[in-house]
Amino acid sequence: MLSVAEDVVKDPNEEEAEAKSAENAEDEARSSEVDPAEMAEEDLSYEAGKSSGDEGPSASGPDPRDTQIEELTQQLLRTRADFDNFRRRTRQEREELVQFATKKLLADLLPVLDNFDRALQALEGVDEPQMKQGIEMVHRQLTQVMHQYGVTEMEAAGAPFDPSQHEAVMQEQVEGQEPGRVIEVLQKGYLLHGKVLRPAMVKVSV
């Protein structure tokens, strides 16, 4: 039995088509390749565009966020100032409350002090040294306690009449004395921490 190797004869038109197909494939491969230089230029263009886009509001005008930050800062400063003023007023009110908490009690003790003054005046012409000494001692102790609580005696005699501190109950024309002066103190006046605790009853010149 004989084996015969038969050669396959190709059609010339088929060979030409295969060649053209191969050339087209090479062109497509070359066109799909990316040039590194072109890629670098594209990257730079993208970064430049991104940077210019970030500038946005600052390039066209002030950033609204800066305005909002400024408004919030001013509001915070005003709030702090209001709080400082409130704290200062609260401290002053507390100090005044401590200073004047005993105002009524001290005012009620003033008649007692007046009675000691009258007793000492009555004993000036009496030969009772021990009694006078005892009354002076009690009077001195009471005066010291009043001073500790901020009570001081007004200096009214000879001063110009002040309706905020003096209560005029009598008037008298005195030769050589200018009008509107306190010429006699009928009842002592007292201050509590510099404020009137009881006005002085006085006689005023006219």
Protein backbone atom coordinates (compact mmCIF):
# COMPACT_ATOMS: atom_id res chain seq x y z
CA MET A 1 0.00 0.00 0.00
CA LEU A 2 1.50 3.36 -1.03
CA SER A 3 1.15 6.60 1.11
CA VAL A 4 1.11 9.65 -0.99
CA ALA A 5 1.84 13.15 0.60
CA GLU A 6 -0.31 15.56 -1.08
CA ASP A 7 0.79 19.25 -1.06
CA VAL A 8 -1.98 21.73 -0.35
CA VAL A 9 -1.91 24.43 -2.95
CA LYS A 10 -3.13 27.84 -1.61
CA ASP A 11 -5.09 30.31 -3.60
CA PRO A 12 -3.06 33.48 -4.47
CA ASN A 13 -6.01 35.72 -3.49
CA GLU A 14 -6.16 34.11 -0.04
CA GLU A 15 -2.45 34.77 0.52
CA GLU A 16 -2.88 38.44 -0.39
CA ALA A 17 -5.77 38.81 2.07
CA GLU A 18 -3.75 37.30 4.90
CA ALA A 19 -0.87 39.70 4.22
CA LYS A 20 -3.16 42.73 4.36
CA SER A 21 -4.70 41.46 7.57
CA ALA A 22 -1.26 41.19 9.18
CA GLU A 23 -0.36 44.74 8.10
CA ASN A 24 -3.60 46.12 9.60
CA ALA A 25 -2.85 44.37 12.88
CA GLU A 26 0.59 45.97 13.05
CA ASP A 27 -0.87 49.43 12.36
CA GLU A 28 -3.43 49.01 15.12
CA ALA A 29 -0.72 47.92 17.54
CA ARG A 30 1.39 50.96 16.69
CA SER A 31 -1.59 53.30 17.04
CA SER A 32 -2.47 51.84 20.46
CA GLU A 33 0.97 52.51 21.87
CA VAL A 34 1.18 55.62 24.19
CA ASP A 35 4.00 58.07 23.76
CA PRO A 36 5.60 58.80 27.21
CA ALA A 37 6.19 62.44 26.26
CA GLU A 38 2.55 62.93 25.36
CA MET A 39 1.50 61.24 28.62
CA ALA A 40 3.72 63.63 30.63
CA GLU A 41 2.25 66.65 28.86
CA GLU A 42 -1.28 65.42 29.60
CA ASP A 43 -0.42 64.93 33.30
CA LEU A 44 0.99 68.46 33.54
CA SER A 45 -2.07 69.91 31.82
CA TYR A 46 -4.35 68.06 34.25
CA GLU A 47 -2.43 69.24 37.32
CA ALA A 48 -2.45 72.82 36.07
CA GLY A 49 -6.17 72.67 35.48
CA LYS A 50 -6.74 71.18 38.93
CA SER A 51 -4.66 73.88 40.60
CA SER A 52 -6.48 76.65 38.78
CA GLY A 53 -9.76 75.06 39.76
CA ASP A 54 -8.74 74.96 43.45
CA GLU A 55 -8.10 78.69 43.43
CA GLY A 56 -11.75 79.21 42.48
CA PRO A 57 -13.23 81.70 45.01
CA SER A 58 -9.90 83.36 45.86
CA ALA A 59 -9.27 84.11 42.18
CA SER A 60 -12.72 85.58 41.63
CA GLY A 61 -13.19 87.24 45.07
CA PRO A 62 -13.04 86.75 48.88
CA ASP A 63 -13.87 83.35 50.25
CA PRO A 64 -17.33 83.36 51.93
CA ARG A 65 -15.89 81.13 54.63
CA ASP A 66 -13.49 83.91 55.68
CA THR A 67 -16.44 86.29 56.12
CA GLN A 68 -18.28 83.70 58.19
CA ILE A 69 -15.21 83.13 60.35
CA GLU A 70 -14.89 86.89 60.95
CA GLU A 71 -18.57 87.17 61.94
CA LEU A 72 -18.26 84.24 64.35
CA THR A 73 -15.10 85.74 65.86
CA GLN A 74 -16.84 89.08 66.49
CA GLN A 75 -19.83 87.29 67.99
CA LEU A 76 -17.52 85.35 70.32
CA LEU A 77 -15.78 88.56 71.43
CA ARG A 78 -19.13 90.23 72.18
CA THR A 79 -20.26 87.19 74.13
CA ARG A 80 -17.08 87.22 76.20
CA ALA A 81 -17.46 90.94 76.92
CA ASP A 82 -21.07 90.44 78.03
CA PHE A 83 -20.04 87.58 80.29
CA ASP A 84 -17.22 89.65 81.84
CA ASN A 85 -19.67 92.48 82.54
CA PHE A 86 -22.16 90.04 84.06
CA ARG A 87 -19.48 88.51 86.27
CA ARG A 88 -18.33 91.95 87.43
CA ARG A 89 -21.88 93.05 88.26
CA THR A 90 -22.50 89.81 90.12
CA ARG A 91 -19.35 90.28 92.17
CA GLN A 92 -20.29 93.87 93.03
CA GLU A 93 -23.81 92.85 94.03
CA ARG A 94 -22.44 90.09 96.24
CA GLU A 95 -20.01 92.49 97.93
CA GLU A 96 -22.79 95.03 98.50
CA LEU A 97 -25.02 92.32 99.91
CA VAL A 98 -22.34 91.36 102.42
CA GLN A 99 -21.68 95.00 103.34
CA PHE A 100 -25.32 96.06 103.74
CA ALA A 101 -26.83 92.83 105.07
CA THR A 102 -26.75 94.29 108.61
CA LYS A 103 -28.03 97.74 107.58
CA LYS A 104 -31.37 97.48 109.41
CA LEU A 105 -29.79 96.13 112.60
CA LEU A 106 -27.19 98.89 112.66
CA ALA A 107 -29.84 101.53 112.03
CA ASP A 108 -31.86 100.16 114.97
CA LEU A 109 -28.78 100.49 117.21
CA LEU A 110 -28.30 104.19 116.45
CA PRO A 111 -30.93 105.34 119.00
CA VAL A 112 -29.05 103.35 121.65
CA LEU A 113 -25.89 105.20 120.69
CA ASP A 114 -27.80 108.49 120.89
CA ASN A 115 -28.93 107.65 124.42
CA PHE A 116 -25.34 107.00 125.50
CA ASP A 117 -24.36 110.40 124.08
CA ARG A 118 -27.15 112.08 126.06
CA ALA A 119 -26.15 110.22 129.24
CA LEU A 120 -22.56 111.40 128.89
CA GLN A 121 -23.73 115.00 128.39
CA ALA A 122 -25.96 114.75 131.46
CA LEU A 123 -23.07 113.49 133.60
CA GLU A 124 -20.72 116.36 132.71
CA GLY A 125 -21.73 118.40 135.74
CA VAL A 126 -22.31 115.45 138.11
CA ASP A 127 -19.69 114.21 140.54
CA GLU A 128 -20.11 110.55 139.71
CA PRO A 129 -16.76 109.48 138.23
CA GLN A 130 -17.39 105.75 138.43
CA MET A 131 -20.77 105.96 136.73
CA LYS A 132 -19.38 108.24 134.07
CA GLN A 133 -16.44 105.93 133.50
CA GLY A 134 -18.74 102.91 133.13
CA ILE A 135 -21.01 104.68 130.63
CA GLU A 136 -17.99 105.88 128.64
CA MET A 137 -16.62 102.34 128.49
CA VAL A 138 -19.90 100.89 127.17
CA HIS A 139 -20.26 103.79 124.74
CA ARG A 140 -16.71 103.22 123.45
CA GLN A 141 -17.32 99.49 122.98
CA LEU A 142 -20.55 100.08 121.08
CA THR A 143 -18.87 102.68 118.88
CA GLN A 144 -16.03 100.27 118.07
CA VAL A 145 -18.49 97.56 117.07
CA MET A 146 -20.31 100.02 114.80
CA HIS A 147 -17.01 101.00 113.21
CA GLN A 148 -16.17 97.35 112.55
CA TYR A 149 -19.35 97.08 110.51
CA GLY A 150 -18.58 100.22 108.52
CA VAL A 151 -20.61 102.80 110.45
CA THR A 152 -19.01 106.25 110.72
CA GLU A 153 -20.28 109.56 112.07
CA MET A 154 -21.00 112.43 109.66
CA GLU A 155 -19.02 115.63 109.96
CA ALA A 156 -21.96 117.99 109.54
CA ALA A 157 -21.22 121.01 111.74
CA GLY A 158 -20.09 123.97 109.65
CA ALA A 159 -20.50 122.10 106.34
CA PRO A 160 -22.65 123.37 103.47
CA PHE A 161 -26.19 122.07 103.68
CA ASP A 162 -26.55 118.89 101.61
CA PRO A 163 -30.14 117.59 101.30
CA SER A 164 -28.82 114.10 100.48
CA GLN A 165 -27.12 113.92 103.91
CA HIS A 166 -28.82 116.53 106.07
CA GLU A 167 -32.39 117.05 107.22
CA ALA A 168 -33.05 120.68 108.00
CA VAL A 169 -35.52 121.02 110.87
CA MET A 170 -34.70 124.60 111.86
CA GLN A 171 -33.47 127.77 110.19
CA GLU A 172 -31.80 130.77 111.79
CA GLN A 173 -30.25 133.97 110.58
CA VAL A 174 -26.79 134.38 112.06
CA GLU A 175 -24.80 137.58 111.68
CA GLY A 176 -21.57 136.99 109.79
CA GLN A 177 -22.61 133.51 108.68
CA GLU A 178 -23.26 132.84 105.01
CA PRO A 179 -26.63 131.26 104.17
CA GLY A 180 -26.93 127.54 103.61
CA ARG A 181 -24.49 126.43 106.29
CA VAL A 182 -25.10 123.92 109.07
CA ILE A 183 -24.83 125.95 112.27
CA GLU A 184 -25.95 123.25 114.71
CA VAL A 185 -26.37 119.45 114.70
CA LEU A 186 -29.51 118.43 116.58
CA GLN A 187 -29.08 114.70 115.90
CA LYS A 188 -25.97 113.04 114.56
CA GLY A 189 -25.99 111.50 111.10
CA TYR A 190 -24.18 108.29 110.22
CA LEU A 191 -22.76 106.66 107.09
CA LEU A 192 -22.54 102.97 106.29
CA HIS A 193 -19.60 102.24 103.98
CA GLY A 194 -19.82 105.80 102.69
CA LYS A 195 -23.58 105.73 102.09
CA VAL A 196 -26.17 107.49 104.26
CA LEU A 197 -27.42 105.25 107.03
CA ARG A 198 -29.25 108.08 108.79
CA PRO A 199 -29.28 111.74 107.76
CA ALA A 200 -28.24 114.35 110.31
CA MET A 201 -30.94 116.61 111.78
CA VAL A 202 -29.51 120.12 111.57
CA LYS A 203 -30.17 123.83 111.94
CA VAL A 204 -29.29 125.82 108.82
CA SER A 205 -28.34 129.47 108.44
CA VAL A 206 -30.41 131.74 106.21
